[in-house]
Amino acid sequence: MTRNTALILLAMVVIACFAVPYLVIGQVAAWYGSFLFWTLAGVAVIALNAVAMAGFKGDD
């Protein structure tokens, strides 16, 4: 996966983090739906950041 693809997917996850809680699961009273969403979104952000930043080199 290229850096640009990872950044585009990361942007989509960030947009979903705003849209899903208000539009999709806003009327659901159970807590486990939002817990599952935020857990999966967090894992996705961590993984996509790792892919996007894999090519960076430190100043040695």
N, C-alpha and C. Protein backbone atom coordinates (compact mmCIF):
# COMPACT_ATOMS: atom_id res chain seq x y z
N MET A 1 0.85 -1.16 0.00
CA MET A 1 0.00 0.00 0.00
C MET A 1 0.91 1.24 0.00
N THR A 2 0.60 2.18 -0.82
CA THR A 2 1.42 3.38 -0.90
C THR A 2 1.03 4.37 0.18
N ARG A 3 1.90 5.36 0.38
CA ARG A 3 1.63 6.38 1.39
C ARG A 3 0.38 7.17 1.05
N ASN A 4 0.18 7.51 -0.23
CA ASN A 4 -1.00 8.28 -0.62
C ASN A 4 -2.28 7.51 -0.36
N THR A 5 -2.28 6.23 -0.65
CA THR A 5 -3.46 5.39 -0.40
C THR A 5 -3.76 5.35 1.10
N ALA A 6 -2.73 5.18 1.91
CA ALA A 6 -2.92 5.13 3.36
C ALA A 6 -3.47 6.46 3.88
N LEU A 7 -2.99 7.57 3.35
CA LEU A 7 -3.47 8.87 3.80
C LEU A 7 -4.92 9.12 3.37
N ILE A 8 -5.29 8.67 2.19
CA ILE A 8 -6.67 8.79 1.73
C ILE A 8 -7.59 7.95 2.61
N LEU A 9 -7.18 6.73 2.91
CA LEU A 9 -7.98 5.87 3.79
C LEU A 9 -8.06 6.46 5.19
N LEU A 10 -6.98 7.06 5.66
CA LEU A 10 -6.97 7.70 6.97
C LEU A 10 -7.96 8.86 7.00
N ALA A 11 -8.00 9.64 5.93
CA ALA A 11 -8.96 10.74 5.85
C ALA A 11 -10.40 10.22 5.87
N MET A 12 -10.64 9.09 5.22
CA MET A 12 -11.97 8.51 5.21
C MET A 12 -12.36 8.03 6.61
N VAL A 13 -11.41 7.47 7.36
CA VAL A 13 -11.69 7.03 8.73
C VAL A 13 -12.00 8.23 9.61
N VAL A 14 -11.26 9.33 9.43
CA VAL A 14 -11.51 10.53 10.23
C VAL A 14 -12.91 11.08 9.93
N ILE A 15 -13.30 11.12 8.67
CA ILE A 15 -14.64 11.57 8.30
C ILE A 15 -15.69 10.64 8.90
N ALA A 16 -15.43 9.34 8.87
CA ALA A 16 -16.36 8.38 9.46
C ALA A 16 -16.48 8.58 10.97
N CYS A 17 -15.39 9.01 11.61
CA CYS A 17 -15.43 9.27 13.06
C CYS A 17 -16.35 10.42 13.40
N PHE A 18 -16.59 11.31 12.47
CA PHE A 18 -17.56 12.38 12.69
C PHE A 18 -18.96 11.96 12.27
N ALA A 19 -19.06 11.25 11.17
CA ALA A 19 -20.37 10.94 10.59
C ALA A 19 -21.09 9.79 11.29
N VAL A 20 -20.40 8.72 11.57
CA VAL A 20 -21.05 7.52 12.10
C VAL A 20 -21.71 7.75 13.46
N PRO A 21 -21.05 8.37 14.43
CA PRO A 21 -21.72 8.55 15.73
C PRO A 21 -22.99 9.39 15.66
N TYR A 22 -23.03 10.36 14.77
CA TYR A 22 -24.19 11.24 14.71
C TYR A 22 -25.27 10.75 13.74
N LEU A 23 -24.85 10.15 12.64
CA LEU A 23 -25.82 9.77 11.61
C LEU A 23 -26.28 8.32 11.70
N VAL A 24 -25.39 7.43 12.08
CA VAL A 24 -25.72 6.00 12.02
C VAL A 24 -26.11 5.44 13.38
N ILE A 25 -25.28 5.67 14.39
CA ILE A 25 -25.54 5.05 15.69
C ILE A 25 -25.98 6.07 16.74
N GLY A 26 -26.40 7.24 16.31
CA GLY A 26 -26.84 8.27 17.25
C GLY A 26 -28.10 7.91 18.01
N GLN A 27 -28.99 7.14 17.40
CA GLN A 27 -30.25 6.78 18.04
C GLN A 27 -30.19 5.43 18.73
N VAL A 28 -29.06 4.77 18.73
CA VAL A 28 -28.92 3.48 19.38
C VAL A 28 -28.58 3.72 20.85
N ALA A 29 -29.37 3.16 21.74
CA ALA A 29 -29.17 3.39 23.17
C ALA A 29 -28.09 2.50 23.77
N ALA A 30 -27.76 1.39 23.11
CA ALA A 30 -26.78 0.46 23.66
C ALA A 30 -25.37 1.04 23.50
N TRP A 31 -24.54 0.87 24.50
CA TRP A 31 -23.20 1.43 24.48
C TRP A 31 -22.23 0.60 23.65
N TYR A 32 -22.51 -0.69 23.48
CA TYR A 32 -21.53 -1.56 22.84
C TYR A 32 -21.38 -1.29 21.35
N GLY A 33 -22.37 -0.69 20.70
CA GLY A 33 -22.23 -0.34 19.28
C GLY A 33 -21.19 0.74 19.08
N SER A 34 -21.24 1.78 19.89
CA SER A 34 -20.25 2.84 19.74
C SER A 34 -18.88 2.38 20.25
N PHE A 35 -18.85 1.54 21.27
CA PHE A 35 -17.57 1.01 21.75
C PHE A 35 -16.88 0.21 20.66
N LEU A 36 -17.62 -0.63 19.97
CA LEU A 36 -17.04 -1.41 18.88
C LEU A 36 -16.56 -0.50 17.76
N PHE A 37 -17.36 0.50 17.41
CA PHE A 37 -16.95 1.42 16.34
C PHE A 37 -15.66 2.15 16.70
N TRP A 38 -15.59 2.71 17.91
CA TRP A 38 -14.41 3.47 18.29
C TRP A 38 -13.18 2.58 18.44
N THR A 39 -13.37 1.35 18.87
CA THR A 39 -12.25 0.41 18.95
C THR A 39 -11.71 0.12 17.56
N LEU A 40 -12.59 -0.19 16.62
CA LEU A 40 -12.14 -0.49 15.26
C LEU A 40 -11.56 0.74 14.58
N ALA A 41 -12.15 1.90 14.80
CA ALA A 41 -11.61 3.14 14.21
C ALA A 41 -10.22 3.43 14.77
N GLY A 42 -10.03 3.22 16.04
CA GLY A 42 -8.71 3.44 16.64
C GLY A 42 -7.65 2.51 16.09
N VAL A 43 -8.00 1.25 15.94
CA VAL A 43 -7.06 0.28 15.37
C VAL A 43 -6.74 0.64 13.92
N ALA A 44 -7.76 1.07 13.17
CA ALA A 44 -7.55 1.46 11.77
C ALA A 44 -6.62 2.68 11.67
N VAL A 45 -6.81 3.66 12.55
CA VAL A 45 -5.96 4.85 12.53
C VAL A 45 -4.52 4.49 12.86
N ILE A 46 -4.32 3.65 13.85
CA ILE A 46 -2.96 3.24 14.22
C ILE A 46 -2.29 2.50 13.06
N ALA A 47 -3.01 1.56 12.44
CA ALA A 47 -2.44 0.79 11.34
C ALA A 47 -2.14 1.67 10.13
N LEU A 48 -3.06 2.56 9.78
CA LEU A 48 -2.84 3.43 8.62
C LEU A 48 -1.72 4.43 8.88
N ASN A 49 -1.60 4.92 10.10
CA ASN A 49 -0.47 5.80 10.43
C ASN A 49 0.85 5.05 10.32
N ALA A 50 0.89 3.81 10.74
CA ALA A 50 2.11 3.02 10.63
C ALA A 50 2.51 2.83 9.17
N VAL A 51 1.53 2.58 8.32
CA VAL A 51 1.82 2.41 6.89
C VAL A 51 2.27 3.74 6.28
N ALA A 52 1.58 4.83 6.60
CA ALA A 52 1.89 6.12 6.01
C ALA A 52 3.26 6.63 6.46
N MET A 53 3.66 6.33 7.67
CA MET A 53 4.91 6.85 8.20
C MET A 53 6.07 5.86 8.07
N ALA A 54 5.87 4.74 7.44
CA ALA A 54 6.91 3.71 7.35
C ALA A 54 8.14 4.19 6.59
N GLY A 55 7.98 5.09 5.64
CA GLY A 55 9.10 5.53 4.83
C GLY A 55 9.92 6.65 5.43
N PHE A 56 9.49 7.23 6.55
CA PHE A 56 10.22 8.34 7.14
C PHE A 56 11.51 7.85 7.77
N LYS A 57 12.55 8.62 7.58
CA LYS A 57 13.85 8.30 8.17
C LYS A 57 14.22 9.42 9.13
N GLY A 58 14.84 9.07 10.21
CA GLY A 58 15.28 10.06 11.19
C GLY A 58 16.59 10.69 10.75
N ASP A 59 16.92 11.83 11.34
CA ASP A 59 18.20 12.48 11.06
C ASP A 59 19.28 11.78 11.87
N ASP A 60 20.19 11.13 11.17
CA ASP A 60 21.28 10.40 11.84
C ASP A 60 22.57 11.14 11.72
